[in-house]
Amino acid sequence: MAIQAAKRNPSLEENSAERIKRVKFAYIGSVNDVQRGLDELVEKVNPEWFVWQGDQEFLPKDEVKRQIELFGKNFCRAMRDRTR
């Protein structure tokens, strides 16, 4: 089914992390990479809200906790301060 859909819509063949990153549907990379993406988002769009979606049961619990902590320390406060 997916192969047939891809033949009709070539962009479906490009479903990958690189495409998601390229079209800025997700911010992927180091803390600095993600911060640059979020800064650009705030500058261009000034969003009223922002959704952060983490792991969906694929990573170990300790890694999920680490990511939540990293996000909170590096981005939540900065986003709050920039959008005030």
PDB file of N, CA and C in Angstrom:
ATOM      1  N   MET A   1       0.823  -1.195   0.000  1.00  0.00           N
ATOM      2  CA  MET A   1       0.000   0.000   0.000  1.00  0.00           C
ATOM      3  C   MET A   1       0.867   1.257   0.000  1.00  0.00           C
ATOM      4  N   ALA A   2       1.862   1.311   0.891  1.00  0.00           N
ATOM      5  CA  ALA A   2       2.727   2.485   0.947  1.00  0.00           C
ATOM      6  C   ALA A   2       3.525   2.647  -0.339  1.00  0.00           C
ATOM      7  N   ILE A   3       3.961   1.541  -0.917  1.00  0.00           N
ATOM      8  CA  ILE A   3       4.724   1.601  -2.166  1.00  0.00           C
ATOM      9  C   ILE A   3       3.838   2.136  -3.285  1.00  0.00           C
ATOM     10  N   GLN A   4       2.596   1.689  -3.368  1.00  0.00           N
ATOM     11  CA  GLN A   4       1.672   2.187  -4.381  1.00  0.00           C
ATOM     12  C   GLN A   4       1.414   3.677  -4.186  1.00  0.00           C
ATOM     13  N   ALA A   5       1.221   4.092  -2.925  1.00  0.00           N
ATOM     14  CA  ALA A   5       0.991   5.511  -2.654  1.00  0.00           C
ATOM     15  C   ALA A   5       2.211   6.329  -3.031  1.00  0.00           C
ATOM     16  N   ALA A   6       3.409   5.790  -2.767  1.00  0.00           N
ATOM     17  CA  ALA A   6       4.635   6.497  -3.103  1.00  0.00           C
ATOM     18  C   ALA A   6       4.776   6.677  -4.604  1.00  0.00           C
ATOM     19  N   LYS A   7       4.322   5.708  -5.383  1.00  0.00           N
ATOM     20  CA  LYS A   7       4.400   5.849  -6.835  1.00  0.00           C
ATOM     21  C   LYS A   7       3.504   6.982  -7.317  1.00  0.00           C
ATOM     22  N   ARG A   8       2.377   7.173  -6.670  1.00  0.00           N
ATOM     23  CA  ARG A   8       1.489   8.277  -7.040  1.00  0.00           C
ATOM     24  C   ARG A   8       1.989   9.602  -6.480  1.00  0.00           C
ATOM     25  N   ASN A   9       2.641   9.558  -5.337  1.00  0.00           N
ATOM     26  CA  ASN A   9       3.115  10.759  -4.670  1.00  0.00           C
ATOM     27  C   ASN A   9       4.583  10.556  -4.297  1.00  0.00           C
ATOM     28  N   PRO A  10       5.514  10.974  -5.162  1.00  0.00           N
ATOM     29  CA  PRO A  10       6.938  10.719  -4.924  1.00  0.00           C
ATOM     30  C   PRO A  10       7.442  11.232  -3.581  1.00  0.00           C
ATOM     31  N   SER A  11       6.809  12.269  -3.037  1.00  0.00           N
ATOM     32  CA  SER A  11       7.296  12.795  -1.769  1.00  0.00           C
ATOM     33  C   SER A  11       7.137  11.784  -0.640  1.00  0.00           C
ATOM     34  N   LEU A  12       6.238  10.801  -0.802  1.00  0.00           N
ATOM     35  CA  LEU A  12       6.081   9.793   0.236  1.00  0.00           C
ATOM     36  C   LEU A  12       7.306   8.897   0.341  1.00  0.00           C
ATOM     37  N   GLU A  13       8.083   8.782  -0.720  1.00  0.00           N
ATOM     38  CA  GLU A  13       9.309   7.987  -0.675  1.00  0.00           C
ATOM     39  C   GLU A  13      10.350   8.637   0.217  1.00  0.00           C
ATOM     40  N   GLU A  14      10.159   9.908   0.500  1.00  0.00           N
ATOM     41  CA  GLU A  14      11.144  10.681   1.238  1.00  0.00           C
ATOM     42  C   GLU A  14      10.817  10.749   2.742  1.00  0.00           C
ATOM     43  N   ASN A  15       9.953   9.886   3.233  1.00  0.00           N
ATOM     44  CA  ASN A  15       9.629   9.892   4.658  1.00  0.00           C
ATOM     45  C   ASN A  15      10.847   9.448   5.453  1.00  0.00           C
ATOM     46  N   SER A  16      11.518  10.396   6.064  1.00  0.00           N
ATOM     47  CA  SER A  16      12.727  10.094   6.812  1.00  0.00           C
ATOM     48  C   SER A  16      12.991  11.200   7.811  1.00  0.00           C
ATOM     49  N   ALA A  17      13.889  10.918   8.750  1.00  0.00           N
ATOM     50  CA  ALA A  17      14.270  11.931   9.729  1.00  0.00           C
ATOM     51  C   ALA A  17      14.866  13.153   9.038  1.00  0.00           C
ATOM     52  N   GLU A  18      15.625  12.936   7.968  1.00  0.00           N
ATOM     53  CA  GLU A  18      16.234  14.071   7.258  1.00  0.00           C
ATOM     54  C   GLU A  18      15.165  14.984   6.657  1.00  0.00           C
ATOM     55  N   ARG A  19      14.128  14.412   6.087  1.00  0.00           N
ATOM     56  CA  ARG A  19      13.051  15.223   5.520  1.00  0.00           C
ATOM     57  C   ARG A  19      12.317  15.974   6.620  1.00  0.00           C
ATOM     58  N   ILE A  20      12.034  15.289   7.710  1.00  0.00           N
ATOM     59  CA  ILE A  20      11.343  15.922   8.836  1.00  0.00           C
ATOM     60  C   ILE A  20      12.169  17.099   9.345  1.00  0.00           C
ATOM     61  N   LYS A  21      13.480  16.920   9.408  1.00  0.00           N
ATOM     62  CA  LYS A  21      14.373  17.996   9.840  1.00  0.00           C
ATOM     63  C   LYS A  21      14.416  19.116   8.803  1.00  0.00           C
ATOM     64  N   ARG A  22      14.527  18.755   7.523  1.00  0.00           N
ATOM     65  CA  ARG A  22      14.641  19.751   6.451  1.00  0.00           C
ATOM     66  C   ARG A  22      13.422  20.665   6.370  1.00  0.00           C
ATOM     67  N   VAL A  23      12.233  20.106   6.532  1.00  0.00           N
ATOM     68  CA  VAL A  23      11.020  20.917   6.421  1.00  0.00           C
ATOM     69  C   VAL A  23      10.631  21.553   7.756  1.00  0.00           C
ATOM     70  N   LYS A  24      11.465  21.346   8.770  1.00  0.00           N
ATOM     71  CA  LYS A  24      11.305  21.944  10.102  1.00  0.00           C
ATOM     72  C   LYS A  24      10.019  21.509  10.790  1.00  0.00           C
ATOM     73  N   PHE A  25       9.652  20.251  10.561  1.00  0.00           N
ATOM     74  CA  PHE A  25       8.531  19.663  11.284  1.00  0.00           C
ATOM     75  C   PHE A  25       8.990  19.223  12.664  1.00  0.00           C
ATOM     76  N   ALA A  26      10.291  18.979  12.788  1.00  0.00           N
ATOM     77  CA  ALA A  26      10.900  18.608  14.062  1.00  0.00           C
ATOM     78  C   ALA A  26      12.286  19.220  14.127  1.00  0.00           C
ATOM     79  N   TYR A  27      12.741  19.499  15.320  1.00  0.00           N
ATOM     80  CA  TYR A  27      14.082  20.024  15.529  1.00  0.00           C
ATOM     81  C   TYR A  27      14.925  18.883  16.072  1.00  0.00           C
ATOM     82  N   ILE A  28      15.933  18.482  15.316  1.00  0.00           N
ATOM     83  CA  ILE A  28      16.746  17.315  15.622  1.00  0.00           C
ATOM     84  C   ILE A  28      18.205  17.738  15.644  1.00  0.00           C
ATOM     85  N   GLY A  29      18.949  17.269  16.635  1.00  0.00           N
ATOM     86  CA  GLY A  29      20.373  17.552  16.666  1.00  0.00           C
ATOM     87  C   GLY A  29      20.844  17.873  18.057  1.00  0.00           C
ATOM     88  N   SER A  30      21.940  18.605  18.117  1.00  0.00           N
ATOM     89  CA  SER A  30      22.517  18.993  19.403  1.00  0.00           C
ATOM     90  C   SER A  30      21.639  20.055  20.060  1.00  0.00           C
ATOM     91  N   VAL A  31      21.959  20.383  21.299  1.00  0.00           N
ATOM     92  CA  VAL A  31      21.240  21.447  21.998  1.00  0.00           C
ATOM     93  C   VAL A  31      21.317  22.740  21.188  1.00  0.00           C
ATOM     94  N   ASN A  32      22.492  23.038  20.650  1.00  0.00           N
ATOM     95  CA  ASN A  32      22.650  24.271  19.862  1.00  0.00           C
ATOM     96  C   ASN A  32      21.825  24.228  18.575  1.00  0.00           C
ATOM     97  N   ASP A  33      21.773  23.074  17.911  1.00  0.00           N
ATOM     98  CA  ASP A  33      20.959  22.936  16.698  1.00  0.00           C
ATOM     99  C   ASP A  33      19.481  23.192  17.001  1.00  0.00           C
ATOM    100  N   VAL A  34      19.012  22.581  18.057  1.00  0.00           N
ATOM    101  CA  VAL A  34      17.602  22.734  18.430  1.00  0.00           C
ATOM    102  C   VAL A  34      17.331  24.181  18.842  1.00  0.00           C
ATOM    103  N   GLN A  35      18.244  24.785  19.591  1.00  0.00           N
ATOM    104  CA  GLN A  35      18.049  26.173  20.021  1.00  0.00           C
ATOM    105  C   GLN A  35      17.969  27.116  18.826  1.00  0.00           C
ATOM    106  N   ARG A  36      18.828  26.906  17.829  1.00  0.00           N
ATOM    107  CA  ARG A  36      18.775  27.747  16.628  1.00  0.00           C
ATOM    108  C   ARG A  36      17.423  27.586  15.924  1.00  0.00           C
ATOM    109  N   GLY A  37      16.935  26.362  15.825  1.00  0.00           N
ATOM    110  CA  GLY A  37      15.640  26.132  15.200  1.00  0.00           C
ATOM    111  C   GLY A  37      14.505  26.796  15.957  1.00  0.00           C
ATOM    112  N   LEU A  38      14.535  26.679  17.281  1.00  0.00           N
ATOM    113  CA  LEU A  38      13.486  27.312  18.083  1.00  0.00           C
ATOM    114  C   LEU A  38      13.581  28.833  18.021  1.00  0.00           C
ATOM    115  N   ASP A  39      14.799  29.371  18.022  1.00  0.00           N
ATOM    116  CA  ASP A  39      14.974  30.826  17.882  1.00  0.00           C
ATOM    117  C   ASP A  39      14.375  31.313  16.565  1.00  0.00           C
ATOM    118  N   GLU A  40      14.640  30.578  15.496  1.00  0.00           N
ATOM    119  CA  GLU A  40      14.093  30.941  14.188  1.00  0.00           C
ATOM    120  C   GLU A  40      12.564  30.876  14.202  1.00  0.00           C
ATOM    121  N   LEU A  41      12.021  29.848  14.834  1.00  0.00           N
ATOM    122  CA  LEU A  41      10.571  29.717  14.940  1.00  0.00           C
ATOM    123  C   LEU A  41       9.963  30.919  15.659  1.00  0.00           C
ATOM    124  N   VAL A  42      10.527  31.297  16.782  1.00  0.00           N
ATOM    125  CA  VAL A  42      10.011  32.434  17.554  1.00  0.00           C
ATOM    126  C   VAL A  42      10.139  33.718  16.751  1.00  0.00           C
ATOM    127  N   GLU A  43      11.275  33.901  16.076  1.00  0.00           N
ATOM    128  CA  GLU A  43      11.504  35.123  15.304  1.00  0.00           C
ATOM    129  C   GLU A  43      10.525  35.247  14.132  1.00  0.00           C
ATOM    130  N   LYS A  44      10.302  34.148  13.414  1.00  0.00           N
ATOM    131  CA  LYS A  44       9.462  34.201  12.217  1.00  0.00           C
ATOM    132  C   LYS A  44       7.971  34.111  12.515  1.00  0.00           C
ATOM    133  N   VAL A  45       7.607  33.345  13.532  1.00  0.00           N
ATOM    134  CA  VAL A  45       6.199  33.034  13.739  1.00  0.00           C
ATOM    135  C   VAL A  45       5.644  33.574  15.055  1.00  0.00           C
ATOM    136  N   ASN A  46       6.501  33.679  16.082  1.00  0.00           N
ATOM    137  CA  ASN A  46       6.089  34.053  17.426  1.00  0.00           C
ATOM    138  C   ASN A  46       4.860  33.240  17.855  1.00  0.00           C
ATOM    139  N   PRO A  47       5.023  31.933  17.995  1.00  0.00           N
ATOM    140  CA  PRO A  47       3.874  31.059  18.269  1.00  0.00           C
ATOM    141  C   PRO A  47       3.211  31.349  19.608  1.00  0.00           C
ATOM    142  N   GLU A  48       1.910  31.159  19.655  1.00  0.00           N
ATOM    143  CA  GLU A  48       1.173  31.311  20.909  1.00  0.00           C
ATOM    144  C   GLU A  48       1.332  30.087  21.788  1.00  0.00           C
ATOM    145  N   TRP A  49       1.618  28.954  21.178  1.00  0.00           N
ATOM    146  CA  TRP A  49       1.831  27.727  21.932  1.00  0.00           C
ATOM    147  C   TRP A  49       2.823  26.855  21.191  1.00  0.00           C
ATOM    148  N   PHE A  50       3.370  25.915  21.906  1.00  0.00           N
ATOM    149  CA  PHE A  50       4.395  25.036  21.362  1.00  0.00           C
ATOM    150  C   PHE A  50       4.169  23.642  21.942  1.00  0.00           C
ATOM    151  N   VAL A  51       4.227  22.628  21.125  1.00  0.00           N
ATOM    152  CA  VAL A  51       4.039  21.248  21.584  1.00  0.00           C
ATOM    153  C   VAL A  51       5.374  20.524  21.524  1.00  0.00           C
ATOM    154  N   TRP A  52       5.760  19.940  22.619  1.00  0.00           N
ATOM    155  CA  TRP A  52       6.941  19.096  22.652  1.00  0.00           C
ATOM    156  C   TRP A  52       6.465  17.677  22.866  1.00  0.00           C
ATOM    157  N   GLN A  53       6.807  16.807  21.950  1.00  0.00           N
ATOM    158  CA  GLN A  53       6.412  15.413  22.064  1.00  0.00           C
ATOM    159  C   GLN A  53       7.656  14.561  22.179  1.00  0.00           C
ATOM    160  N   GLY A  54       7.721  13.831  23.239  1.00  0.00           N
ATOM    161  CA  GLY A  54       8.882  12.989  23.468  1.00  0.00           C
ATOM    162  C   GLY A  54       8.665  11.569  22.983  1.00  0.00           C
ATOM    163  N   ASP A  55       9.407  10.703  23.562  1.00  0.00           N
ATOM    164  CA  ASP A  55       9.407   9.294  23.193  1.00  0.00           C
ATOM    165  C   ASP A  55       8.025   8.659  23.355  1.00  0.00           C
ATOM    166  N   GLN A  56       7.772   7.669  22.527  1.00  0.00           N
ATOM    167  CA  GLN A  56       6.519   6.920  22.606  1.00  0.00           C
ATOM    168  C   GLN A  56       6.820   5.456  22.918  1.00  0.00           C
ATOM    169  N   GLU A  57       7.493   5.242  24.042  1.00  0.00           N
ATOM    170  CA  GLU A  57       7.805   3.918  24.577  1.00  0.00           C
ATOM    171  C   GLU A  57       8.860   3.143  23.804  1.00  0.00           C
ATOM    172  N   PHE A  58       9.726   3.835  23.072  1.00  0.00           N
ATOM    173  CA  PHE A  58      10.813   3.158  22.368  1.00  0.00           C
ATOM    174  C   PHE A  58      12.130   3.263  23.126  1.00  0.00           C
ATOM    175  N   LEU A  59      12.277   4.284  23.944  1.00  0.00           N
ATOM    176  CA  LEU A  59      13.530   4.509  24.663  1.00  0.00           C
ATOM    177  C   LEU A  59      13.422   4.039  26.112  1.00  0.00           C
ATOM    178  N   PRO A  60      14.548   3.723  26.722  1.00  0.00           N
ATOM    179  CA  PRO A  60      14.532   3.381  28.146  1.00  0.00           C
ATOM    180  C   PRO A  60      14.066   4.581  28.982  1.00  0.00           C
ATOM    181  N   LYS A  61      13.423   4.295  30.091  1.00  0.00           N
ATOM    182  CA  LYS A  61      12.859   5.350  30.941  1.00  0.00           C
ATOM    183  C   LYS A  61      13.910   6.377  31.370  1.00  0.00           C
ATOM    184  N   ASP A  62      15.124   5.937  31.695  1.00  0.00           N
ATOM    185  CA  ASP A  62      16.176   6.872  32.110  1.00  0.00           C
ATOM    186  C   ASP A  62      16.536   7.849  30.993  1.00  0.00           C
ATOM    187  N   GLU A  63      16.527   7.394  29.740  1.00  0.00           N
ATOM    188  CA  GLU A  63      16.818   8.282  28.611  1.00  0.00           C
ATOM    189  C   GLU A  63      15.691   9.299  28.435  1.00  0.00           C
ATOM    190  N   VAL A  64      14.460   8.874  28.603  1.00  0.00           N
ATOM    191  CA  VAL A  64      13.323   9.797  28.500  1.00  0.00           C
ATOM    192  C   VAL A  64      13.421  10.868  29.586  1.00  0.00           C
ATOM    193  N   LYS A  65      13.745  10.463  30.789  1.00  0.00           N
ATOM    194  CA  LYS A  65      13.908  11.421  31.884  1.00  0.00           C
ATOM    195  C   LYS A  65      15.018  12.417  31.564  1.00  0.00           C
ATOM    196  N   ARG A  66      16.124  11.916  31.014  1.00  0.00           N
ATOM    197  CA  ARG A  66      17.251  12.790  30.656  1.00  0.00           C
ATOM    198  C   ARG A  66      16.830  13.809  29.605  1.00  0.00           C
ATOM    199  N   GLN A  67      16.059  13.365  28.613  1.00  0.00           N
ATOM    200  CA  GLN A  67      15.603  14.271  27.560  1.00  0.00           C
ATOM    201  C   GLN A  67      14.645  15.330  28.106  1.00  0.00           C
ATOM    202  N   ILE A  68      13.757  14.938  29.008  1.00  0.00           N
ATOM    203  CA  ILE A  68      12.828  15.901  29.611  1.00  0.00           C
ATOM    204  C   ILE A  68      13.611  16.943  30.402  1.00  0.00           C
ATOM    205  N   GLU A  69      14.578  16.488  31.175  1.00  0.00           N
ATOM    206  CA  GLU A  69      15.405  17.412  31.950  1.00  0.00           C
ATOM    207  C   GLU A  69      16.186  18.354  31.039  1.00  0.00           C
ATOM    208  N   LEU A  70      16.783  17.807  29.990  1.00  0.00           N
ATOM    209  CA  LEU A  70      17.541  18.609  29.027  1.00  0.00           C
ATOM    210  C   LEU A  70      16.648  19.658  28.375  1.00  0.00           C
ATOM    211  N   PHE A  71      15.464  19.262  27.969  1.00  0.00           N
ATOM    212  CA  PHE A  71      14.539  20.195  27.340  1.00  0.00           C
ATOM    213  C   PHE A  71      14.132  21.298  28.321  1.00  0.00           C
ATOM    214  N   GLY A  72      13.792  20.906  29.539  1.00  0.00           N
ATOM    215  CA  GLY A  72      13.381  21.892  30.536  1.00  0.00           C
ATOM    216  C   GLY A  72      14.475  22.897  30.853  1.00  0.00           C
ATOM    217  N   LYS A  73      15.690  22.416  31.048  1.00  0.00           N
ATOM    218  CA  LYS A  73      16.806  23.300  31.406  1.00  0.00           C
ATOM    219  C   LYS A  73      17.218  24.208  30.263  1.00  0.00           C
ATOM    220  N   ASN A  74      17.178  23.704  29.044  1.00  0.00           N
ATOM    221  CA  ASN A  74      17.734  24.460  27.923  1.00  0.00           C
ATOM    222  C   ASN A  74      16.717  25.251  27.112  1.00  0.00           C
ATOM    223  N   PHE A  75      15.470  24.826  27.094  1.00  0.00           N
ATOM    224  CA  PHE A  75      14.540  25.446  26.154  1.00  0.00           C
ATOM    225  C   PHE A  75      13.312  26.090  26.786  1.00  0.00           C
ATOM    226  N   CYS A  76      12.731  25.472  27.781  1.00  0.00           N
ATOM    227  CA  CYS A  76      11.483  26.017  28.339  1.00  0.00           C
ATOM    228  C   CYS A  76      11.662  27.437  28.856  1.00  0.00           C
ATOM    229  N   ARG A  77      12.676  27.645  29.668  1.00  0.00           N
ATOM    230  CA  ARG A  77      12.917  28.972  30.237  1.00  0.00           C
ATOM    231  C   ARG A  77      13.244  29.982  29.133  1.00  0.00           C
ATOM    232  N   ALA A  78      14.079  29.580  28.189  1.00  0.00           N
ATOM    233  CA  ALA A  78      14.461  30.484  27.097  1.00  0.00           C
ATOM    234  C   ALA A  78      13.254  30.846  26.239  1.00  0.00           C
ATOM    235  N   MET A  79      12.403  29.882  25.941  1.00  0.00           N
ATOM    236  CA  MET A  79      11.207  30.165  25.125  1.00  0.00           C
ATOM    237  C   MET A  79      10.276  31.104  25.882  1.00  0.00           C
ATOM    238  N   ARG A  80      10.097  30.864  27.161  1.00  0.00           N
ATOM    239  CA  ARG A  80       9.235  31.725  27.972  1.00  0.00           C
ATOM    240  C   ARG A  80       9.763  33.163  27.954  1.00  0.00           C
ATOM    241  N   ASP A  81      11.043  33.317  28.175  1.00  0.00           N
ATOM    242  CA  ASP A  81      11.645  34.647  28.227  1.00  0.00           C
ATOM    243  C   ASP A  81      11.571  35.369  26.884  1.00  0.00           C
ATOM    244  N   ARG A  82      11.733  34.639  25.776  1.00  0.00           N
ATOM    245  CA  ARG A  82      11.716  35.260  24.442  1.00  0.00           C
ATOM    246  C   ARG A  82      10.331  35.668  24.002  1.00  0.00           C
ATOM    247  N   THR A  83       9.301  35.005  24.497  1.00  0.00           N
ATOM    248  CA  THR A  83       7.951  35.285  24.014  1.00  0.00           C
ATOM    249  C   THR A  83       7.188  36.249  24.916  1.00  0.00           C
ATOM    250  N   ARG A  84       7.814  36.756  25.921  1.00  0.00           N
ATOM    251  CA  ARG A  84       7.129  37.720  26.819  1.00  0.00           C
ATOM    252  C   ARG A  84       7.118  39.094  26.236  1.00  0.00           C
TER     253      ARG A  84
END
